[in-house]
Amino acid sequence: MNATATAMNPMSQVMPKARHDGWTRTRIDRRQVFSRQIFEDEVFRIHVTSGHLWVTFEGSPEDHHLSDGDTWRFSGPGLLVAEGIEQGAVVEIRQSSLNSAATS
């Protein structure tokens, strides 16, 4: 997974916790920022298993507040930026090719 985490709080890190079916589970703490450049032929999915996440995507006219159970799909190109809000969030992320069969 080619994801970049930028910690606003130097004490926290985005660390992969578990993998299943191509999804990577991680925690994004409160005020911690996760960013990922999504290329033209990529799809990037975020599923919030618990907590709250603020997400913005380059070129999108609106930001997104995701919480427990929400899943959002982003197609490139563009920069995705997510920040843990309130108590932070546990998320599952998955990247795939726009043309791949892995579209779930």
N, C-alpha and C. Protein backbone atom coordinates (compact mmCIF):
# COMPACT_ATOMS: atom_id res chain seq x y z
N MET A 1 0.85 -1.16 0.00
CA MET A 1 0.00 0.00 0.00
C MET A 1 0.90 1.22 0.00
N ASN A 2 0.72 2.08 -0.97
CA ASN A 2 1.53 3.28 -1.08
C ASN A 2 0.82 4.47 -0.45
N ALA A 3 0.66 4.44 0.82
CA ALA A 3 -0.02 5.52 1.53
C ALA A 3 1.01 6.31 2.31
N THR A 4 0.74 7.59 2.45
CA THR A 4 1.62 8.47 3.19
C THR A 4 0.86 9.02 4.38
N ALA A 5 1.42 8.93 5.54
CA ALA A 5 0.80 9.50 6.72
C ALA A 5 1.62 10.69 7.18
N THR A 6 0.96 11.77 7.44
CA THR A 6 1.63 12.95 7.95
C THR A 6 1.02 13.24 9.31
N ALA A 7 1.78 13.10 10.35
CA ALA A 7 1.25 13.27 11.69
C ALA A 7 1.37 14.74 12.10
N MET A 8 0.23 15.36 12.40
CA MET A 8 0.23 16.70 12.95
C MET A 8 0.70 16.64 14.40
N ASN A 9 0.38 15.55 15.07
CA ASN A 9 0.84 15.30 16.43
C ASN A 9 2.04 14.37 16.31
N PRO A 10 3.25 14.82 16.61
CA PRO A 10 4.43 13.99 16.41
C PRO A 10 4.44 12.72 17.25
N MET A 11 3.56 12.61 18.23
CA MET A 11 3.54 11.43 19.07
C MET A 11 2.73 10.30 18.44
N SER A 12 1.99 10.56 17.37
CA SER A 12 1.13 9.52 16.81
C SER A 12 1.61 9.12 15.42
N GLN A 13 1.30 7.92 15.05
CA GLN A 13 1.67 7.36 13.76
C GLN A 13 0.48 6.59 13.19
N VAL A 14 0.34 6.58 11.87
CA VAL A 14 -0.65 5.72 11.23
C VAL A 14 0.06 4.42 10.94
N MET A 15 -0.36 3.35 11.60
CA MET A 15 0.30 2.07 11.45
C MET A 15 -0.71 1.02 11.02
N PRO A 16 -0.39 0.22 9.99
CA PRO A 16 -1.28 -0.86 9.59
C PRO A 16 -1.44 -1.85 10.74
N LYS A 17 -2.67 -2.29 10.98
CA LYS A 17 -2.94 -3.22 12.08
C LYS A 17 -3.24 -4.62 11.58
N ALA A 18 -4.04 -4.75 10.54
CA ALA A 18 -4.42 -6.07 10.05
C ALA A 18 -4.82 -5.96 8.59
N ARG A 19 -4.68 -7.04 7.87
CA ARG A 19 -5.07 -7.06 6.46
C ARG A 19 -6.04 -8.20 6.24
N HIS A 20 -7.07 -7.93 5.45
CA HIS A 20 -7.99 -8.98 5.05
C HIS A 20 -8.65 -8.57 3.73
N ASP A 21 -8.71 -9.49 2.80
CA ASP A 21 -9.35 -9.26 1.51
C ASP A 21 -8.88 -7.97 0.83
N GLY A 22 -7.60 -7.65 0.95
CA GLY A 22 -7.06 -6.47 0.30
C GLY A 22 -7.26 -5.18 1.07
N TRP A 23 -7.95 -5.21 2.19
CA TRP A 23 -8.17 -4.03 3.02
C TRP A 23 -7.08 -3.96 4.09
N THR A 24 -6.62 -2.77 4.41
CA THR A 24 -5.66 -2.56 5.48
C THR A 24 -6.34 -1.75 6.57
N ARG A 25 -6.29 -2.25 7.79
CA ARG A 25 -6.90 -1.56 8.93
C ARG A 25 -5.85 -0.73 9.63
N THR A 26 -6.21 0.49 10.00
CA THR A 26 -5.30 1.39 10.69
C THR A 26 -6.09 2.35 11.57
N ARG A 27 -5.41 3.00 12.46
CA ARG A 27 -6.02 4.01 13.33
C ARG A 27 -5.46 5.37 12.95
N ILE A 28 -6.34 6.35 12.83
CA ILE A 28 -5.94 7.73 12.61
C ILE A 28 -6.41 8.51 13.83
N ASP A 29 -5.46 8.94 14.65
CA ASP A 29 -5.78 9.61 15.90
C ASP A 29 -6.35 11.00 15.68
N ARG A 30 -6.92 11.55 16.72
CA ARG A 30 -7.45 12.92 16.68
C ARG A 30 -6.34 13.88 16.23
N ARG A 31 -6.66 14.74 15.29
CA ARG A 31 -5.77 15.75 14.71
C ARG A 31 -4.62 15.15 13.90
N GLN A 32 -4.60 13.86 13.71
CA GLN A 32 -3.59 13.24 12.86
C GLN A 32 -4.08 13.30 11.42
N VAL A 33 -3.16 13.59 10.51
CA VAL A 33 -3.51 13.76 9.10
C VAL A 33 -2.91 12.62 8.29
N PHE A 34 -3.72 12.06 7.42
CA PHE A 34 -3.32 11.02 6.48
C PHE A 34 -3.51 11.60 5.08
N SER A 35 -2.51 11.48 4.21
CA SER A 35 -2.67 11.98 2.85
C SER A 35 -2.20 10.93 1.86
N ARG A 36 -2.81 10.96 0.69
CA ARG A 36 -2.48 9.97 -0.34
C ARG A 36 -2.76 10.58 -1.70
N GLN A 37 -1.77 10.60 -2.58
CA GLN A 37 -1.98 11.01 -3.96
C GLN A 37 -2.61 9.83 -4.70
N ILE A 38 -3.77 10.04 -5.27
CA ILE A 38 -4.47 8.99 -6.01
C ILE A 38 -4.28 9.30 -7.49
N PHE A 39 -3.74 8.34 -8.21
CA PHE A 39 -3.42 8.55 -9.61
C PHE A 39 -4.64 8.32 -10.50
N GLU A 40 -4.53 8.73 -11.75
CA GLU A 40 -5.67 8.72 -12.68
C GLU A 40 -6.33 7.35 -12.80
N ASP A 41 -5.56 6.30 -12.76
CA ASP A 41 -6.12 4.96 -12.96
C ASP A 41 -6.39 4.22 -11.65
N GLU A 42 -6.45 4.94 -10.53
CA GLU A 42 -6.64 4.30 -9.23
C GLU A 42 -8.00 4.62 -8.61
N VAL A 43 -8.42 3.70 -7.78
CA VAL A 43 -9.59 3.88 -6.91
C VAL A 43 -9.10 3.65 -5.49
N PHE A 44 -9.51 4.52 -4.57
CA PHE A 44 -9.11 4.42 -3.17
C PHE A 44 -10.38 4.44 -2.33
N ARG A 45 -10.53 3.45 -1.47
CA ARG A 45 -11.71 3.35 -0.62
C ARG A 45 -11.33 3.50 0.84
N ILE A 46 -12.20 4.16 1.58
CA ILE A 46 -12.04 4.30 3.03
C ILE A 46 -13.33 3.81 3.67
N HIS A 47 -13.19 2.90 4.64
CA HIS A 47 -14.33 2.42 5.42
C HIS A 47 -14.02 2.72 6.89
N VAL A 48 -14.89 3.46 7.55
CA VAL A 48 -14.70 3.78 8.96
C VAL A 48 -15.37 2.69 9.80
N THR A 49 -14.57 1.96 10.57
CA THR A 49 -15.14 0.92 11.43
C THR A 49 -15.56 1.49 12.78
N SER A 50 -14.90 2.57 13.21
CA SER A 50 -15.33 3.27 14.42
C SER A 50 -14.72 4.66 14.43
N GLY A 51 -15.40 5.59 15.07
CA GLY A 51 -14.88 6.94 15.20
C GLY A 51 -15.34 7.89 14.12
N HIS A 52 -14.58 8.99 13.96
CA HIS A 52 -14.96 10.05 13.04
C HIS A 52 -13.75 10.53 12.25
N LEU A 53 -13.98 10.78 10.96
CA LEU A 53 -12.92 11.16 10.05
C LEU A 53 -13.42 12.28 9.14
N TRP A 54 -12.61 13.30 8.96
CA TRP A 54 -12.89 14.38 8.01
C TRP A 54 -12.04 14.10 6.78
N VAL A 55 -12.65 14.13 5.59
CA VAL A 55 -11.93 13.81 4.36
C VAL A 55 -12.20 14.88 3.31
N THR A 56 -11.15 15.31 2.64
CA THR A 56 -11.29 16.19 1.49
C THR A 56 -10.52 15.57 0.34
N PHE A 57 -11.00 15.83 -0.88
CA PHE A 57 -10.35 15.29 -2.06
C PHE A 57 -10.20 16.39 -3.09
N GLU A 58 -9.00 16.55 -3.59
CA GLU A 58 -8.69 17.60 -4.55
C GLU A 58 -9.68 17.57 -5.72
N GLY A 59 -10.25 18.72 -6.01
CA GLY A 59 -11.20 18.84 -7.12
C GLY A 59 -12.64 18.61 -6.72
N SER A 60 -12.87 18.07 -5.53
CA SER A 60 -14.24 17.85 -5.06
C SER A 60 -14.75 19.13 -4.40
N PRO A 61 -15.97 19.55 -4.70
CA PRO A 61 -16.48 20.80 -4.14
C PRO A 61 -16.87 20.70 -2.67
N GLU A 62 -16.90 19.50 -2.11
CA GLU A 62 -17.31 19.36 -0.71
C GLU A 62 -16.37 18.45 0.06
N ASP A 63 -16.34 18.64 1.37
CA ASP A 63 -15.61 17.77 2.28
C ASP A 63 -16.58 16.72 2.80
N HIS A 64 -16.04 15.68 3.42
CA HIS A 64 -16.88 14.58 3.90
C HIS A 64 -16.58 14.31 5.36
N HIS A 65 -17.62 14.14 6.15
CA HIS A 65 -17.49 13.70 7.54
C HIS A 65 -17.95 12.25 7.55
N LEU A 66 -17.01 11.34 7.79
CA LEU A 66 -17.33 9.92 7.81
C LEU A 66 -17.32 9.44 9.25
N SER A 67 -18.25 8.55 9.57
CA SER A 67 -18.31 7.97 10.91
C SER A 67 -18.65 6.49 10.80
N ASP A 68 -18.84 5.85 11.95
CA ASP A 68 -19.05 4.40 12.05
C ASP A 68 -19.86 3.83 10.89
N GLY A 69 -19.26 2.90 10.16
CA GLY A 69 -19.96 2.19 9.10
C GLY A 69 -19.93 2.86 7.73
N ASP A 70 -19.47 4.11 7.65
CA ASP A 70 -19.44 4.81 6.36
C ASP A 70 -18.30 4.30 5.49
N THR A 71 -18.57 4.20 4.19
CA THR A 71 -17.55 3.85 3.21
C THR A 71 -17.63 4.87 2.09
N TRP A 72 -16.47 5.32 1.63
CA TRP A 72 -16.42 6.33 0.56
C TRP A 72 -15.40 5.88 -0.46
N ARG A 73 -15.70 6.12 -1.73
CA ARG A 73 -14.84 5.73 -2.85
C ARG A 73 -14.34 6.98 -3.55
N PHE A 74 -13.03 7.05 -3.79
CA PHE A 74 -12.41 8.19 -4.47
C PHE A 74 -11.68 7.68 -5.69
N SER A 75 -11.92 8.30 -6.84
CA SER A 75 -11.23 7.95 -8.08
C SER A 75 -10.29 9.08 -8.45
N GLY A 76 -9.09 8.70 -8.91
CA GLY A 76 -8.09 9.70 -9.24
C GLY A 76 -8.34 10.37 -10.57
N PRO A 77 -7.58 11.40 -10.83
CA PRO A 77 -6.43 11.84 -10.05
C PRO A 77 -6.82 12.88 -9.00
N GLY A 78 -5.99 12.97 -7.97
CA GLY A 78 -6.18 13.98 -6.95
C GLY A 78 -5.53 13.60 -5.65
N LEU A 79 -5.38 14.59 -4.78
CA LEU A 79 -4.81 14.38 -3.46
C LEU A 79 -5.94 14.20 -2.46
N LEU A 80 -5.90 13.10 -1.72
CA LEU A 80 -6.86 12.83 -0.66
C LEU A 80 -6.20 13.19 0.66
N VAL A 81 -6.91 13.93 1.51
CA VAL A 81 -6.42 14.28 2.83
C VAL A 81 -7.50 13.93 3.83
N ALA A 82 -7.15 13.16 4.86
CA ALA A 82 -8.09 12.76 5.91
C ALA A 82 -7.50 13.14 7.26
N GLU A 83 -8.37 13.55 8.17
CA GLU A 83 -7.93 13.91 9.52
C GLU A 83 -8.87 13.27 10.53
N GLY A 84 -8.28 12.65 11.56
CA GLY A 84 -9.08 12.11 12.65
C GLY A 84 -9.68 13.26 13.45
N ILE A 85 -10.98 13.21 13.67
CA ILE A 85 -11.64 14.24 14.46
C ILE A 85 -12.32 13.58 15.66
N GLU A 86 -12.74 14.41 16.61
CA GLU A 86 -13.30 13.94 17.87
C GLU A 86 -12.30 12.97 18.50
N GLN A 87 -12.64 11.68 18.65
CA GLN A 87 -11.71 10.73 19.28
C GLN A 87 -10.80 10.04 18.27
N GLY A 88 -10.87 10.42 16.99
CA GLY A 88 -10.10 9.75 15.94
C GLY A 88 -10.93 8.64 15.33
N ALA A 89 -10.31 7.81 14.50
CA ALA A 89 -11.07 6.77 13.81
C ALA A 89 -10.20 5.55 13.55
N VAL A 90 -10.87 4.41 13.54
CA VAL A 90 -10.27 3.18 13.03
C VAL A 90 -10.86 3.01 11.63
N VAL A 91 -9.98 2.88 10.65
CA VAL A 91 -10.43 2.81 9.27
C VAL A 91 -9.81 1.61 8.56
N GLU A 92 -10.49 1.18 7.52
CA GLU A 92 -9.94 0.20 6.60
C GLU A 92 -9.79 0.92 5.26
N ILE A 93 -8.64 0.74 4.64
CA ILE A 93 -8.38 1.39 3.36
C ILE A 93 -8.00 0.34 2.33
N ARG A 94 -8.36 0.65 1.09
CA ARG A 94 -8.06 -0.27 0.00
C ARG A 94 -7.82 0.53 -1.27
N GLN A 95 -6.79 0.18 -1.99
CA GLN A 95 -6.52 0.81 -3.27
C GLN A 95 -6.57 -0.26 -4.34
N SER A 96 -7.04 0.12 -5.52
CA SER A 96 -7.08 -0.81 -6.63
C SER A 96 -7.00 -0.03 -7.93
N SER A 97 -6.76 -0.74 -8.99
CA SER A 97 -6.73 -0.14 -10.31
C SER A 97 -8.17 0.13 -10.74
N LEU A 98 -8.38 1.22 -11.45
CA LEU A 98 -9.71 1.58 -11.94
C LEU A 98 -10.26 0.45 -12.81
N ASN A 99 -9.41 -0.25 -13.51
CA ASN A 99 -9.85 -1.31 -14.42
C ASN A 99 -9.79 -2.71 -13.82
N SER A 100 -9.42 -2.81 -12.54
CA SER A 100 -9.29 -4.15 -11.94
C SER A 100 -10.65 -4.71 -11.56
N ALA A 101 -10.68 -5.97 -11.33
CA ALA A 101 -11.91 -6.63 -10.91
C ALA A 101 -12.21 -6.38 -9.44
N ALA A 102 -11.24 -5.84 -8.69
CA ALA A 102 -11.41 -5.58 -7.24
C ALA A 102 -12.16 -4.27 -7.06
N THR A 103 -13.46 -4.27 -7.26
CA THR A 103 -14.26 -3.05 -7.17
C THR A 103 -15.15 -3.02 -5.96
N SER A 104 -15.04 -3.99 -5.09
CA SER A 104 -15.89 -3.97 -3.89
C SER A 104 -15.31 -3.14 -2.79
